[in-house]
Amino acid sequence: MEERTADLLVESIIRDTFPEIPARVLADFWGKNITDEEDMRIIYEAYKDLYLYFGVNGTILHEHFLDNELDDLIHRRNINLISAEYYKKFVEKNIVIGPTCSIPSSSYAELPPFEIPETDLKELRKKISKKLSGFRSADMRDFGRKGNLTIDDVVELIKKQRGKCYVCCEDVIISNWVRYCCYQLSMHCINHGKPHDRDNVLISCFYCISRMNSGADDQKKVCVEGCHVEPKNLILEPLVSRTKINRLLLK
C-alpha cells in the first residue's frame, strides 16, 4: 500500500526538510492555487506548529485533507495565538489552501462491516445499560428530561465507528475492562447544551471524554490500574473534523 502523503508530510516536518517535500505531498496539502514560494513556506511552518505544539499527527492531517478542512484546522488551532509568527503571516496574507480532495467522504470509508463477537455482545449490552442509567440521571438533573439514546443506538455507533474513539482514533475496549481503564467504552455529547440523544452522541474512550470534560492537558493516556502504561501523544476534541463528526452521528 502506498504511503499516505500526510505521513510523508510529518516525516518532512520531523526532519525539517521542506525543500525536499515530494510533489504529491505539495499537491495534496498546499491546494491547487498556492504557487508563491513564500506562501508555501508559511503553510509548511503552520503545519509544523500543528505537529509540534498541538499534537496533530498524520491521521488527523489525512482526515482533514479528505474532508477539505485544512484551512479550518489551521485556524481552529491557532485562533488564540494570533501573535505566532507564521500564523500571523497566514492571516495577514489571507492565504487559503482551499479544497484538497475530490473523493466523496462516503467512498473512502467503504470497508467490510465491523462485527462484535456474539460472546461479547451480551456483556456489552449490560455495560451500556449501566452507563446509560448514569447519563439519564445526569440529563434529568441538567435538562429536565432523559436523552433518547438506547442500547441498540450505542451498538450501532460502535459498528459505524468501527470500534474506535472518534477523537483519538484508537480502539475502545468493549469487554472485560477494569474500572479506570483509559480505553474503555464511553459516550460523548457533541452539543453539551443537549441531553444524550441519539443524534448528539459519539463513541469515545474513557480517557478522551474525561480529558474533554475536565479540561486537563494530560496527553499520556496511561491507566492508573496498570493495564496500559505506554504514553501516547494524543489530540484534543476541537481538532476533530466537523465533517467527520457529521458523518458518524446517527440520524
Protein backbone atom coordinates (compact mmCIF):
# COMPACT_ATOMS: atom_id res chain seq x y z
CA MET A 1 0.00 0.00 0.00
CA GLU A 2 1.35 3.44 -0.96
CA GLU A 3 2.35 5.60 1.99
CA ARG A 4 -0.11 8.38 2.81
CA THR A 5 1.00 11.87 1.81
CA ALA A 6 0.09 13.02 5.35
CA ASP A 7 2.72 10.68 6.77
CA LEU A 8 5.29 11.93 4.27
CA LEU A 9 4.48 15.49 5.37
CA VAL A 10 5.01 14.56 9.03
CA GLU A 11 8.29 12.87 8.11
CA SER A 12 9.41 16.08 6.40
CA ILE A 13 8.47 18.11 9.49
CA ILE A 14 10.41 15.79 11.78
CA ARG A 15 13.49 16.02 9.56
CA ASP A 16 12.84 19.70 8.71
CA THR A 17 13.36 19.08 5.00
CA PHE A 18 10.87 21.49 3.42
CA PRO A 19 12.75 21.95 0.11
CA GLU A 20 12.71 18.18 -0.44
CA ILE A 21 8.96 17.57 0.04
CA PRO A 22 7.66 15.22 -2.70
CA ALA A 23 5.48 16.80 -5.38
CA ARG A 24 2.47 14.64 -4.47
CA VAL A 25 2.58 15.93 -0.88
CA LEU A 26 2.61 19.52 -2.14
CA ALA A 27 -0.29 18.72 -4.46
CA ASP A 28 -2.36 17.30 -1.58
CA PHE A 29 -1.56 19.71 1.26
CA TRP A 30 -0.92 23.01 -0.48
CA GLY A 31 -4.06 23.03 -2.62
CA LYS A 32 -4.28 23.87 -6.29
CA ASN A 33 -3.72 27.62 -6.17
CA ILE A 34 -0.68 28.05 -3.91
CA THR A 35 2.36 28.73 -6.11
CA ASP A 36 4.10 31.61 -4.36
CA GLU A 37 7.26 30.33 -2.65
CA GLU A 38 6.79 32.49 0.46
CA ASP A 39 3.18 31.34 0.85
CA MET A 40 4.28 27.72 0.52
CA ARG A 41 6.82 28.21 3.30
CA ILE A 42 4.22 29.88 5.54
CA ILE A 43 1.86 26.92 5.09
CA TYR A 44 4.68 24.48 5.85
CA GLU A 45 5.52 26.30 9.09
CA ALA A 46 1.81 26.33 10.01
CA TYR A 47 1.70 22.53 9.60
CA LYS A 48 4.93 22.29 11.59
CA ASP A 49 3.35 24.19 14.51
CA LEU A 50 0.29 21.92 14.40
CA TYR A 51 2.52 18.86 14.71
CA LEU A 52 5.00 20.20 17.27
CA TYR A 53 2.69 22.15 19.59
CA PHE A 54 -0.83 20.76 19.13
CA GLY A 55 -0.28 17.01 18.74
CA VAL A 56 -1.66 16.90 15.20
CA ASN A 57 -0.48 13.57 13.77
CA GLY A 58 -0.61 12.06 10.30
CA THR A 59 -4.07 10.59 10.85
CA ILE A 60 -5.60 13.96 11.73
CA LEU A 61 -3.89 15.66 8.79
CA HIS A 62 -5.12 12.89 6.50
CA GLU A 63 -8.72 13.19 7.71
CA HIS A 64 -8.75 16.97 7.23
CA PHE A 65 -7.24 16.54 3.75
CA LEU A 66 -10.04 14.12 2.84
CA ASP A 67 -12.68 16.43 4.28
CA ASN A 68 -11.26 19.59 2.64
CA GLU A 69 -10.80 21.25 6.03
CA LEU A 70 -7.08 22.05 6.24
CA ASP A 71 -7.71 25.82 6.45
CA ASP A 72 -10.23 25.21 9.22
CA LEU A 73 -7.74 23.03 11.13
CA ILE A 74 -5.03 25.73 10.99
CA HIS A 75 -7.40 28.49 12.12
CA ARG A 76 -9.05 26.49 14.92
CA ARG A 77 -5.74 25.54 16.49
CA ASN A 78 -4.12 28.98 16.20
CA ILE A 79 -7.07 31.27 16.93
CA ASN A 80 -5.68 32.15 20.37
CA LEU A 81 -2.12 32.51 19.10
CA ILE A 82 -2.56 35.35 16.60
CA SER A 83 0.94 36.56 17.54
CA ALA A 84 2.55 33.30 16.36
CA GLU A 85 4.88 34.30 13.54
CA TYR A 86 3.72 32.10 10.69
CA TYR A 87 0.05 32.04 11.60
CA LYS A 88 0.09 35.84 11.72
CA LYS A 89 1.50 35.84 8.17
CA PHE A 90 -1.06 33.21 7.15
CA VAL A 91 -3.85 35.59 8.26
CA GLU A 92 -2.27 38.84 7.03
CA LYS A 93 -1.72 37.45 3.54
CA ASN A 94 -5.21 35.87 3.54
CA ILE A 95 -3.77 32.54 2.43
CA VAL A 96 -6.39 29.93 1.51
CA ILE A 97 -5.39 26.34 0.81
CA GLY A 98 -8.90 25.54 -0.37
CA PRO A 99 -10.33 22.16 -1.45
CA THR A 100 -7.78 19.35 -1.42
CA CYS A 101 -9.73 16.16 -2.12
CA SER A 102 -12.48 15.40 -4.63
CA ILE A 103 -13.27 11.94 -3.24
CA PRO A 104 -16.72 11.90 -1.54
CA SER A 105 -16.48 11.25 2.21
CA SER A 106 -18.52 8.08 1.92
CA SER A 107 -16.28 6.40 -0.66
CA TYR A 108 -13.02 6.22 1.29
CA ALA A 109 -14.77 4.58 4.25
CA GLU A 110 -16.21 1.65 2.30
CA LEU A 111 -14.86 -1.21 4.39
CA PRO A 112 -16.27 -4.60 5.42
CA PRO A 113 -18.85 -4.38 8.24
CA PHE A 114 -17.42 -4.17 11.75
CA GLU A 115 -18.70 -7.13 13.72
CA ILE A 116 -18.97 -7.51 17.50
CA PRO A 117 -18.42 -11.12 18.64
CA GLU A 118 -21.59 -12.73 19.97
CA THR A 119 -19.63 -13.81 23.05
CA ASP A 120 -19.03 -10.11 23.89
CA LEU A 121 -22.43 -8.71 22.92
CA LYS A 122 -24.47 -9.87 25.94
CA GLU A 123 -21.98 -8.47 28.46
CA LEU A 124 -21.55 -5.31 26.35
CA ARG A 125 -25.27 -4.58 26.43
CA LYS A 126 -25.23 -4.86 30.24
CA LYS A 127 -22.35 -2.41 30.49
CA ILE A 128 -24.03 0.02 28.08
CA SER A 129 -27.23 -0.17 30.14
CA LYS A 130 -25.31 0.77 33.28
CA LYS A 131 -23.64 3.73 31.57
CA LEU A 132 -26.96 4.92 30.09
CA SER A 133 -28.54 4.83 33.54
CA GLY A 134 -25.93 7.30 34.77
CA PHE A 135 -26.32 9.52 31.70
CA ARG A 136 -30.11 9.63 32.09
CA SER A 137 -29.84 10.72 35.70
CA ALA A 138 -27.44 13.48 34.65
CA ASP A 139 -29.77 14.51 31.80
CA MET A 140 -32.75 14.81 34.19
CA ARG A 141 -30.67 16.94 36.53
CA ASP A 142 -29.29 19.20 33.80
CA PHE A 143 -32.09 19.34 31.22
CA GLY A 144 -35.26 18.12 32.92
CA ARG A 145 -35.60 15.15 30.56
CA LYS A 146 -33.79 11.94 29.70
CA GLY A 147 -31.88 11.62 26.45
CA ASN A 148 -33.35 9.14 23.94
CA LEU A 149 -30.11 7.21 23.29
CA THR A 150 -30.74 3.45 23.52
CA ILE A 151 -28.58 0.36 23.91
CA ASP A 152 -29.18 -0.52 20.25
CA ASP A 153 -28.08 3.00 19.25
CA VAL A 154 -24.78 2.57 21.09
CA VAL A 155 -24.18 -0.83 19.47
CA GLU A 156 -24.91 0.76 16.07
CA LEU A 157 -22.42 3.56 16.81
CA ILE A 158 -19.73 1.08 17.81
CA LYS A 159 -20.17 -0.66 14.46
CA LYS A 160 -20.34 2.61 12.50
CA GLN A 161 -17.17 3.91 14.17
CA ARG A 162 -15.53 0.51 13.74
CA GLY A 163 -14.86 0.21 17.46
CA LYS A 164 -12.74 3.37 17.57
CA CYS A 165 -12.88 6.54 19.65
CA TYR A 166 -13.97 9.40 17.39
CA VAL A 167 -11.34 11.71 18.95
CA CYS A 168 -8.06 9.79 19.21
CA CYS A 169 -8.97 7.10 16.63
CA GLU A 170 -7.73 4.30 18.92
CA ASP A 171 -9.67 1.10 19.60
CA VAL A 172 -12.05 1.24 22.55
CA ILE A 173 -12.35 -1.79 24.82
CA ILE A 174 -15.89 -3.14 24.75
CA SER A 175 -15.49 -6.06 27.15
CA ASN A 176 -13.66 -7.02 30.34
CA TRP A 177 -12.24 -3.59 31.12
CA VAL A 178 -11.06 -2.63 34.60
CA ARG A 179 -12.72 0.25 36.43
CA TYR A 180 -10.46 3.15 35.42
CA CYS A 181 -9.10 1.81 32.14
CA CYS A 182 -8.45 4.72 29.75
CA TYR A 183 -9.51 2.62 26.75
CA GLN A 184 -12.94 1.53 27.99
CA LEU A 185 -16.07 2.40 26.04
CA SER A 186 -17.73 5.72 26.76
CA MET A 187 -20.12 8.12 25.03
CA HIS A 188 -19.67 11.84 24.44
CA CYS A 189 -22.29 14.53 23.79
CA ILE A 190 -21.24 16.64 20.81
CA ASN A 191 -23.50 19.53 21.83
CA HIS A 192 -23.11 19.97 25.59
CA GLY A 193 -26.30 22.02 25.69
CA LYS A 194 -28.40 18.95 24.85
CA PRO A 195 -29.03 15.57 26.56
CA HIS A 196 -27.68 12.20 25.44
CA ASP A 197 -29.87 11.93 22.34
CA ARG A 198 -29.08 9.51 19.51
CA ASP A 199 -28.22 12.36 17.14
CA ASN A 200 -25.94 14.05 19.68
CA VAL A 201 -23.61 11.27 20.82
CA LEU A 202 -20.50 9.56 19.51
CA ILE A 203 -18.38 6.75 20.92
CA SER A 204 -15.23 7.83 22.72
CA CYS A 205 -12.75 6.19 25.04
CA PHE A 206 -12.89 6.95 28.77
CA TYR A 207 -9.62 8.88 28.51
CA CYS A 208 -10.83 11.33 25.86
CA ILE A 209 -14.18 12.03 27.48
CA SER A 210 -12.51 12.56 30.87
CA ARG A 211 -9.94 14.87 29.34
CA MET A 212 -12.55 16.88 27.45
CA ASN A 213 -14.86 17.22 30.45
CA SER A 214 -12.12 18.18 32.89
CA GLY A 215 -10.07 20.35 30.53
CA ALA A 216 -6.95 18.53 31.70
CA ASP A 217 -3.93 18.73 29.42
CA ASP A 218 -2.69 15.20 30.11
CA GLN A 219 -1.56 13.64 26.84
CA LYS A 220 -0.16 10.41 28.27
CA LYS A 221 -3.21 8.09 28.31
CA VAL A 222 -1.68 5.86 30.98
CA CYS A 223 -4.07 3.74 33.08
CA VAL A 224 -3.80 4.07 36.86
CA GLU A 225 -4.83 0.41 37.06
CA GLY A 226 -1.64 -0.51 35.19
CA CYS A 227 -3.43 -2.16 32.25
CA HIS A 228 -1.99 0.33 29.71
CA VAL A 229 1.29 2.04 30.56
CA GLU A 230 2.71 3.20 27.21
CA PRO A 231 2.40 7.04 26.96
CA LYS A 232 0.64 8.47 23.89
CA ASN A 233 0.68 11.93 22.31
CA LEU A 234 -3.00 12.44 21.56
CA ILE A 235 -5.21 15.17 20.17
CA LEU A 236 -7.97 17.20 21.76
CA GLU A 237 -11.59 17.11 20.60
CA PRO A 238 -11.51 20.55 18.86
CA LEU A 239 -9.15 19.03 16.27
CA VAL A 240 -11.78 16.57 15.04
CA SER A 241 -13.11 17.45 11.61
CA ARG A 242 -16.72 18.68 11.72
CA THR A 243 -17.34 16.74 8.52
CA LYS A 244 -16.19 13.56 10.25
CA ILE A 245 -18.49 14.23 13.23
CA ASN A 246 -21.50 14.77 10.96
CA ARG A 247 -20.66 11.64 9.02
CA LEU A 248 -20.59 9.47 12.14
CA LEU A 249 -23.62 10.85 14.01
CA LEU A 250 -26.81 8.80 13.89
CA LYS A 251 -29.69 10.48 12.09
